[in-house]
């Protein structure tokens, strides 16, 4: 199963400035666990680089992600182009 999601990161802006990007990573992982119905979610390095692109304080407001679920139930997420 393959799906493309646009994940809003507004909640991460409520975190303190020095904890925004780690909070955004947790939000992306939780979103994919909920919507893909899997506990085994791995994020590609491209997602991590996109979130950290402007530092720890200035995260993007949303991110577009392509998630692929294999037959064993594990989800691999990459940055959608």
PDB file of N, CA and C in Angstrom:
ATOM      1  N   UNK A   1       0.844  -1.164   0.000  1.00  0.00           N
ATOM      2  CA  UNK A   1       0.000   0.000   0.000  1.00  0.00           C
ATOM      3  C   UNK A   1       0.901   1.242   0.000  1.00  0.00           C
ATOM      4  N   UNK A   2       0.576   2.169  -0.866  1.00  0.00           N
ATOM      5  CA  UNK A   2       1.379   3.390  -0.997  1.00  0.00           C
ATOM      6  C   UNK A   2       0.454   4.599  -0.948  1.00  0.00           C
ATOM      7  N   UNK A   3       0.785   5.548  -0.089  1.00  0.00           N
ATOM      8  CA  UNK A   3      -0.034   6.747   0.055  1.00  0.00           C
ATOM      9  C   UNK A   3       0.842   7.974   0.200  1.00  0.00           C
ATOM     10  N   UNK A   4       0.278   9.113  -0.203  1.00  0.00           N
ATOM     11  CA  UNK A   4       0.962  10.395  -0.042  1.00  0.00           C
ATOM     12  C   UNK A   4       0.155  11.243   0.930  1.00  0.00           C
ATOM     13  N   UNK A   5       0.833  11.794   1.915  1.00  0.00           N
ATOM     14  CA  UNK A   5       0.183  12.610   2.936  1.00  0.00           C
ATOM     15  C   UNK A   5       0.844  13.982   3.011  1.00  0.00           C
ATOM     16  N   UNK A   6       0.045  14.983   3.325  1.00  0.00           N
ATOM     17  CA  UNK A   6       0.566  16.299   3.691  1.00  0.00           C
ATOM     18  C   UNK A   6       0.338  16.426   5.191  1.00  0.00           C
ATOM     19  N   UNK A   7       1.418  16.425   5.945  1.00  0.00           N
ATOM     20  CA  UNK A   7       1.335  16.394   7.403  1.00  0.00           C
ATOM     21  C   UNK A   7       1.486  17.815   7.949  1.00  0.00           C
ATOM     22  N   UNK A   8       0.472  18.325   8.666  1.00  0.00           N
ATOM     23  CA  UNK A   8       0.587  19.655   9.262  1.00  0.00           C
ATOM     24  C   UNK A   8       1.479  19.605  10.500  1.00  0.00           C
ATOM     25  N   UNK A   9       2.318  20.610  10.657  1.00  0.00           N
ATOM     26  CA  UNK A   9       3.247  20.654  11.785  1.00  0.00           C
ATOM     27  C   UNK A   9       2.964  21.850  12.692  1.00  0.00           C
ATOM     28  N   UNK A  10       1.711  22.312  12.730  1.00  0.00           N
ATOM     29  CA  UNK A  10       1.349  23.461  13.562  1.00  0.00           C
ATOM     30  C   UNK A  10       1.590  23.208  15.042  1.00  0.00           C
ATOM     31  N   UNK A  11       1.316  21.990  15.497  1.00  0.00           N
ATOM     32  CA  UNK A  11       1.470  21.674  16.926  1.00  0.00           C
ATOM     33  C   UNK A  11       2.921  21.819  17.380  1.00  0.00           C
ATOM     34  N   UNK A  12       3.860  21.604  16.499  1.00  0.00           N
ATOM     35  CA  UNK A  12       5.267  21.715  16.877  1.00  0.00           C
ATOM     36  C   UNK A  12       5.654  23.164  17.151  1.00  0.00           C
ATOM     37  N   UNK A  13       4.904  24.111  16.576  1.00  0.00           N
ATOM     38  CA  UNK A  13       5.198  25.530  16.821  1.00  0.00           C
ATOM     39  C   UNK A  13       4.858  25.929  18.253  1.00  0.00           C
ATOM     40  N   UNK A  14       4.027  25.133  18.949  1.00  0.00           N
ATOM     41  CA  UNK A  14       3.675  25.426  20.333  1.00  0.00           C
ATOM     42  C   UNK A  14       4.779  25.014  21.303  1.00  0.00           C
ATOM     43  N   UNK A  15       5.712  24.197  20.846  1.00  0.00           N
ATOM     44  CA  UNK A  15       6.820  23.754  21.691  1.00  0.00           C
ATOM     45  C   UNK A  15       7.816  24.908  21.860  1.00  0.00           C
ATOM     46  N   UNK A  16       8.651  24.840  22.889  1.00  0.00           N
ATOM     47  CA  UNK A  16       9.694  25.859  23.025  1.00  0.00           C
ATOM     48  C   UNK A  16      10.587  25.897  21.786  1.00  0.00           C
ATOM     49  N   UNK A  17      11.178  27.050  21.527  1.00  0.00           N
ATOM     50  CA  UNK A  17      11.963  27.240  20.301  1.00  0.00           C
ATOM     51  C   UNK A  17      13.050  26.202  20.124  1.00  0.00           C
ATOM     52  N   UNK A  18      13.686  25.800  21.220  1.00  0.00           N
ATOM     53  CA  UNK A  18      14.819  24.885  21.111  1.00  0.00           C
ATOM     54  C   UNK A  18      14.408  23.420  21.034  1.00  0.00           C
ATOM     55  N   UNK A  19      13.089  23.145  20.974  1.00  0.00           N
ATOM     56  CA  UNK A  19      12.630  21.756  20.909  1.00  0.00           C
ATOM     57  C   UNK A  19      11.674  21.528  19.748  1.00  0.00           C
ATOM     58  N   UNK A  20      11.595  22.457  18.813  1.00  0.00           N
ATOM     59  CA  UNK A  20      10.591  22.378  17.755  1.00  0.00           C
ATOM     60  C   UNK A  20      10.856  21.268  16.748  1.00  0.00           C
ATOM     61  N   UNK A  21      12.061  21.140  16.262  1.00  0.00           N
ATOM     62  CA  UNK A  21      12.326  20.115  15.256  1.00  0.00           C
ATOM     63  C   UNK A  21      12.218  18.702  15.830  1.00  0.00           C
ATOM     64  N   UNK A  22      12.748  18.421  17.035  1.00  0.00           N
ATOM     65  CA  UNK A  22      12.511  17.079  17.587  1.00  0.00           C
ATOM     66  C   UNK A  22      11.023  16.788  17.782  1.00  0.00           C
ATOM     67  N   UNK A  23      10.245  17.786  18.158  1.00  0.00           N
ATOM     68  CA  UNK A  23       8.803  17.619  18.306  1.00  0.00           C
ATOM     69  C   UNK A  23       8.161  17.336  16.946  1.00  0.00           C
ATOM     70  N   UNK A  24       8.634  18.005  15.892  1.00  0.00           N
ATOM     71  CA  UNK A  24       8.098  17.788  14.551  1.00  0.00           C
ATOM     72  C   UNK A  24       8.364  16.358  14.074  1.00  0.00           C
ATOM     73  N   UNK A  25       9.509  15.813  14.387  1.00  0.00           N
ATOM     74  CA  UNK A  25       9.833  14.433  14.012  1.00  0.00           C
ATOM     75  C   UNK A  25       8.863  13.478  14.709  1.00  0.00           C
ATOM     76  N   UNK A  26       8.577  13.735  15.984  1.00  0.00           N
ATOM     77  CA  UNK A  26       7.640  12.888  16.721  1.00  0.00           C
ATOM     78  C   UNK A  26       6.232  13.000  16.152  1.00  0.00           C
ATOM     79  N   UNK A  27       5.848  14.197  15.712  1.00  0.00           N
ATOM     80  CA  UNK A  27       4.523  14.401  15.131  1.00  0.00           C
ATOM     81  C   UNK A  27       4.390  13.628  13.820  1.00  0.00           C
ATOM     82  N   UNK A  28       5.416  13.673  12.977  1.00  0.00           N
ATOM     83  CA  UNK A  28       5.390  12.947  11.700  1.00  0.00           C
ATOM     84  C   UNK A  28       5.268  11.447  11.953  1.00  0.00           C
ATOM     85  N   UNK A  29       6.048  10.934  12.884  1.00  0.00           N
ATOM     86  CA  UNK A  29       6.010   9.502  13.197  1.00  0.00           C
ATOM     87  C   UNK A  29       4.638   9.091  13.746  1.00  0.00           C
ATOM     88  N   UNK A  30       4.071   9.894  14.651  1.00  0.00           N
ATOM     89  CA  UNK A  30       2.758   9.580  15.234  1.00  0.00           C
ATOM     90  C   UNK A  30       1.658   9.639  14.175  1.00  0.00           C
ATOM     91  N   UNK A  31       1.736  10.620  13.261  1.00  0.00           N
ATOM     92  CA  UNK A  31       0.756  10.737  12.185  1.00  0.00           C
ATOM     93  C   UNK A  31       0.759   9.488  11.312  1.00  0.00           C
ATOM     94  N   UNK A  32       1.945   9.021  10.955  1.00  0.00           N
ATOM     95  CA  UNK A  32       2.048   7.848  10.094  1.00  0.00           C
ATOM     96  C   UNK A  32       1.620   6.574  10.818  1.00  0.00           C
ATOM     97  N   UNK A  33       1.909   6.470  12.117  1.00  0.00           N
ATOM     98  CA  UNK A  33       1.444   5.316  12.880  1.00  0.00           C
ATOM     99  C   UNK A  33      -0.074   5.258  12.895  1.00  0.00           C
ATOM    100  N   UNK A  34      -0.710   6.410  13.056  1.00  0.00           N
ATOM    101  CA  UNK A  34      -2.172   6.466  13.125  1.00  0.00           C
ATOM    102  C   UNK A  34      -2.807   6.169  11.768  1.00  0.00           C
ATOM    103  N   UNK A  35      -2.325   6.811  10.723  1.00  0.00           N
ATOM    104  CA  UNK A  35      -2.982   6.719   9.429  1.00  0.00           C
ATOM    105  C   UNK A  35      -2.618   5.457   8.644  1.00  0.00           C
ATOM    106  N   UNK A  36      -1.447   4.919   8.869  1.00  0.00           N
ATOM    107  CA  UNK A  36      -1.060   3.685   8.180  1.00  0.00           C
ATOM    108  C   UNK A  36      -1.329   2.445   9.035  1.00  0.00           C
ATOM    109  N   UNK A  37      -1.785   2.644  10.272  1.00  0.00           N
ATOM    110  CA  UNK A  37      -2.131   1.560  11.203  1.00  0.00           C
ATOM    111  C   UNK A  37      -0.974   0.580  11.389  1.00  0.00           C
ATOM    112  N   UNK A  38       0.171   1.138  11.745  1.00  0.00           N
ATOM    113  CA  UNK A  38       1.353   0.328  11.976  1.00  0.00           C
ATOM    114  C   UNK A  38       2.205   0.977  13.060  1.00  0.00           C
ATOM    115  N   UNK A  39       2.833   0.137  13.888  1.00  0.00           N
ATOM    116  CA  UNK A  39       3.706   0.645  14.944  1.00  0.00           C
ATOM    117  C   UNK A  39       5.154   0.732  14.454  1.00  0.00           C
ATOM    118  N   UNK A  40       5.457   0.050  13.367  1.00  0.00           N
ATOM    119  CA  UNK A  40       6.824   0.004  12.847  1.00  0.00           C
ATOM    120  C   UNK A  40       6.967   1.024  11.719  1.00  0.00           C
ATOM    121  N   UNK A  41       7.347   2.255  12.075  1.00  0.00           N
ATOM    122  CA  UNK A  41       7.489   3.332  11.100  1.00  0.00           C
ATOM    123  C   UNK A  41       8.945   3.769  11.078  1.00  0.00           C
ATOM    124  N   UNK A  42       9.531   3.795   9.892  1.00  0.00           N
ATOM    125  CA  UNK A  42      10.893   4.314   9.763  1.00  0.00           C
ATOM    126  C   UNK A  42      10.877   5.494   8.796  1.00  0.00           C
ATOM    127  N   UNK A  43      11.538   6.549   9.206  1.00  0.00           N
ATOM    128  CA  UNK A  43      11.600   7.770   8.403  1.00  0.00           C
ATOM    129  C   UNK A  43      12.904   7.790   7.631  1.00  0.00           C
ATOM    130  N   UNK A  44      12.820   8.176   6.378  1.00  0.00           N
ATOM    131  CA  UNK A  44      13.992   8.290   5.526  1.00  0.00           C
ATOM    132  C   UNK A  44      14.811   9.505   5.949  1.00  0.00           C
ATOM    133  N   UNK A  45      16.071   9.489   5.614  1.00  0.00           N
ATOM    134  CA  UNK A  45      16.961  10.599   5.953  1.00  0.00           C
ATOM    135  C   UNK A  45      16.528  11.898   5.277  1.00  0.00           C
ATOM    136  N   UNK A  46      15.851  11.814   4.130  1.00  0.00           N
ATOM    137  CA  UNK A  46      15.418  13.028   3.431  1.00  0.00           C
ATOM    138  C   UNK A  46      14.376  13.799   4.236  1.00  0.00           C
ATOM    139  N   UNK A  47      13.505  13.107   4.970  1.00  0.00           N
ATOM    140  CA  UNK A  47      12.530  13.781   5.824  1.00  0.00           C
ATOM    141  C   UNK A  47      13.250  14.505   6.952  1.00  0.00           C
ATOM    142  N   UNK A  48      14.202  13.823   7.553  1.00  0.00           N
ATOM    143  CA  UNK A  48      14.973  14.418   8.644  1.00  0.00           C
ATOM    144  C   UNK A  48      15.718  15.668   8.162  1.00  0.00           C
ATOM    145  N   UNK A  49      16.333  15.589   6.991  1.00  0.00           N
ATOM    146  CA  UNK A  49      17.064  16.735   6.455  1.00  0.00           C
ATOM    147  C   UNK A  49      16.126  17.903   6.147  1.00  0.00           C
ATOM    148  N   UNK A  50      14.928  17.615   5.637  1.00  0.00           N
ATOM    149  CA  UNK A  50      13.962  18.665   5.329  1.00  0.00           C
ATOM    150  C   UNK A  50      13.508  19.376   6.605  1.00  0.00           C
ATOM    151  N   UNK A  51      13.270  18.619   7.671  1.00  0.00           N
ATOM    152  CA  UNK A  51      12.839  19.227   8.924  1.00  0.00           C
ATOM    153  C   UNK A  51      13.956  20.056   9.563  1.00  0.00           C
ATOM    154  N   UNK A  52      15.182  19.591   9.449  1.00  0.00           N
ATOM    155  CA  UNK A  52      16.313  20.282  10.065  1.00  0.00           C
ATOM    156  C   UNK A  52      16.944  21.325   9.139  1.00  0.00           C
ATOM    157  N   UNK A  53      16.402  21.516   7.945  1.00  0.00           N
ATOM    158  CA  UNK A  53      16.990  22.378   6.927  1.00  0.00           C
ATOM    159  C   UNK A  53      17.276  23.801   7.427  1.00  0.00           C
ATOM    160  N   UNK A  54      16.341  24.368   8.168  1.00  0.00           N
ATOM    161  CA  UNK A  54      16.491  25.747   8.642  1.00  0.00           C
ATOM    162  C   UNK A  54      16.806  25.821  10.132  1.00  0.00           C
ATOM    163  N   UNK A  55      17.229  24.724  10.697  1.00  0.00           N
ATOM    164  CA  UNK A  55      17.640  24.726  12.098  1.00  0.00           C
ATOM    165  C   UNK A  55      16.573  24.159  13.014  1.00  0.00           C
ATOM    166  N   UNK A  56      16.832  24.294  14.306  1.00  0.00           N
ATOM    167  CA  UNK A  56      15.950  23.704  15.305  1.00  0.00           C
ATOM    168  C   UNK A  56      14.723  24.564  15.569  1.00  0.00           C
ATOM    169  N   UNK A  57      14.796  25.861  15.264  1.00  0.00           N
ATOM    170  CA  UNK A  57      13.710  26.777  15.617  1.00  0.00           C
ATOM    171  C   UNK A  57      12.708  27.018  14.507  1.00  0.00           C
ATOM    172  N   UNK A  58      13.149  26.996  13.254  1.00  0.00           N
ATOM    173  CA  UNK A  58      12.289  27.380  12.127  1.00  0.00           C
ATOM    174  C   UNK A  58      11.916  26.158  11.300  1.00  0.00           C
ATOM    175  N   UNK A  59      10.865  25.481  11.727  1.00  0.00           N
ATOM    176  CA  UNK A  59      10.419  24.283  11.022  1.00  0.00           C
ATOM    177  C   UNK A  59       9.438  24.665   9.923  1.00  0.00           C
ATOM    178  N   UNK A  60       9.271  23.821   8.908  1.00  0.00           N
ATOM    179  CA  UNK A  60       8.244  24.105   7.896  1.00  0.00           C
ATOM    180  C   UNK A  60       6.854  23.936   8.500  1.00  0.00           C
ATOM    181  N   UNK A  61       5.859  24.607   7.931  1.00  0.00           N
ATOM    182  CA  UNK A  61       4.509  24.529   8.482  1.00  0.00           C
ATOM    183  C   UNK A  61       3.825  23.210   8.130  1.00  0.00           C
ATOM    184  N   UNK A  62       4.253  22.585   7.034  1.00  0.00           N
ATOM    185  CA  UNK A  62       3.726  21.275   6.650  1.00  0.00           C
ATOM    186  C   UNK A  62       4.775  20.570   5.814  1.00  0.00           C
ATOM    187  N   UNK A  63       4.600  19.263   5.678  1.00  0.00           N
ATOM    188  CA  UNK A  63       5.566  18.469   4.922  1.00  0.00           C
ATOM    189  C   UNK A  63       4.802  17.404   4.139  1.00  0.00           C
ATOM    190  N   UNK A  64       5.227  17.158   2.906  1.00  0.00           N
ATOM    191  CA  UNK A  64       4.581  16.161   2.048  1.00  0.00           C
ATOM    192  C   UNK A  64       5.417  14.889   2.069  1.00  0.00           C
ATOM    193  N   UNK A  65       4.765  13.779   2.445  1.00  0.00           N
ATOM    194  CA  UNK A  65       5.458  12.522   2.687  1.00  0.00           C
ATOM    195  C   UNK A  65       4.794  11.406   1.895  1.00  0.00           C
ATOM    196  N   UNK A  66       5.617  10.520   1.316  1.00  0.00           N
ATOM    197  CA  UNK A  66       5.107   9.315   0.651  1.00  0.00           C
ATOM    198  C   UNK A  66       5.408   8.131   1.557  1.00  0.00           C
ATOM    199  N   UNK A  67       4.353   7.402   1.958  1.00  0.00           N
ATOM    200  CA  UNK A  67       4.501   6.265   2.866  1.00  0.00           C
ATOM    201  C   UNK A  67       4.159   4.975   2.129  1.00  0.00           C
ATOM    202  N   UNK A  68       5.009   3.969   2.297  1.00  0.00           N
ATOM    203  CA  UNK A  68       4.815   2.671   1.672  1.00  0.00           C
ATOM    204  C   UNK A  68       4.795   1.615   2.768  1.00  0.00           C
ATOM    205  N   UNK A  69       3.724   0.813   2.782  1.00  0.00           N
ATOM    206  CA  UNK A  69       3.582  -0.259   3.770  1.00  0.00           C
ATOM    207  C   UNK A  69       3.795  -1.598   3.071  1.00  0.00           C
ATOM    208  N   UNK A  70       4.723  -2.396   3.602  1.00  0.00           N
ATOM    209  CA  UNK A  70       4.992  -3.693   2.980  1.00  0.00           C
ATOM    210  C   UNK A  70       4.099  -4.780   3.573  1.00  0.00           C
ATOM    211  N   UNK A  71       4.273  -6.015   3.113  1.00  0.00           N
ATOM    212  CA  UNK A  71       3.373  -7.096   3.539  1.00  0.00           C
ATOM    213  C   UNK A  71       3.562  -7.491   5.004  1.00  0.00           C
ATOM    214  N   UNK A  72       4.677  -7.080   5.614  1.00  0.00           N
ATOM    215  CA  UNK A  72       4.914  -7.413   7.015  1.00  0.00           C
ATOM    216  C   UNK A  72       4.360  -6.347   7.962  1.00  0.00           C
ATOM    217  N   UNK A  73       3.849  -5.246   7.408  1.00  0.00           N
ATOM    218  CA  UNK A  73       3.250  -4.195   8.230  1.00  0.00           C
ATOM    219  C   UNK A  73       4.178  -3.061   8.583  1.00  0.00           C
ATOM    220  N   UNK A  74       5.412  -3.099   8.118  1.00  0.00           N
ATOM    221  CA  UNK A  74       6.317  -1.997   8.416  1.00  0.00           C
ATOM    222  C   UNK A  74       6.157  -0.893   7.366  1.00  0.00           C
ATOM    223  N   UNK A  75       6.298   0.348   7.818  1.00  0.00           N
ATOM    224  CA  UNK A  75       6.073   1.508   6.968  1.00  0.00           C
ATOM    225  C   UNK A  75       7.404   2.217   6.755  1.00  0.00           C
ATOM    226  N   UNK A  76       7.699   2.551   5.495  1.00  0.00           N
ATOM    227  CA  UNK A  76       8.891   3.320   5.158  1.00  0.00           C
ATOM    228  C   UNK A  76       8.414   4.631   4.540  1.00  0.00           C
ATOM    229  N   UNK A  77       8.793   5.741   5.136  1.00  0.00           N
ATOM    230  CA  UNK A  77       8.348   7.050   4.681  1.00  0.00           C
ATOM    231  C   UNK A  77       9.505   7.801   4.043  1.00  0.00           C
ATOM    232  N   UNK A  78       9.239   8.410   2.883  1.00  0.00           N
ATOM    233  CA  UNK A  78      10.233   9.226   2.206  1.00  0.00           C
ATOM    234  C   UNK A  78       9.602  10.576   1.874  1.00  0.00           C
ATOM    235  N   UNK A  79      10.417  11.529   1.550  1.00  0.00           N
ATOM    236  CA  UNK A  79       9.946  12.851   1.175  1.00  0.00           C
ATOM    237  C   UNK A  79       9.351  12.780  -0.227  1.00  0.00           C
ATOM    238  N   UNK A  80       8.117  13.257  -0.391  1.00  0.00           N
ATOM    239  CA  UNK A  80       7.461  13.245  -1.699  1.00  0.00           C
ATOM    240  C   UNK A  80       7.970  14.410  -2.529  1.00  0.00           C
ATOM    241  N   UNK A  81       8.096  14.208  -3.808  1.00  0.00           N
ATOM    242  CA  UNK A  81       8.579  15.263  -4.703  1.00  0.00           C
ATOM    243  C   UNK A  81       7.433  15.967  -5.377  1.00  0.00           C
TER     244      UNK A  81
END
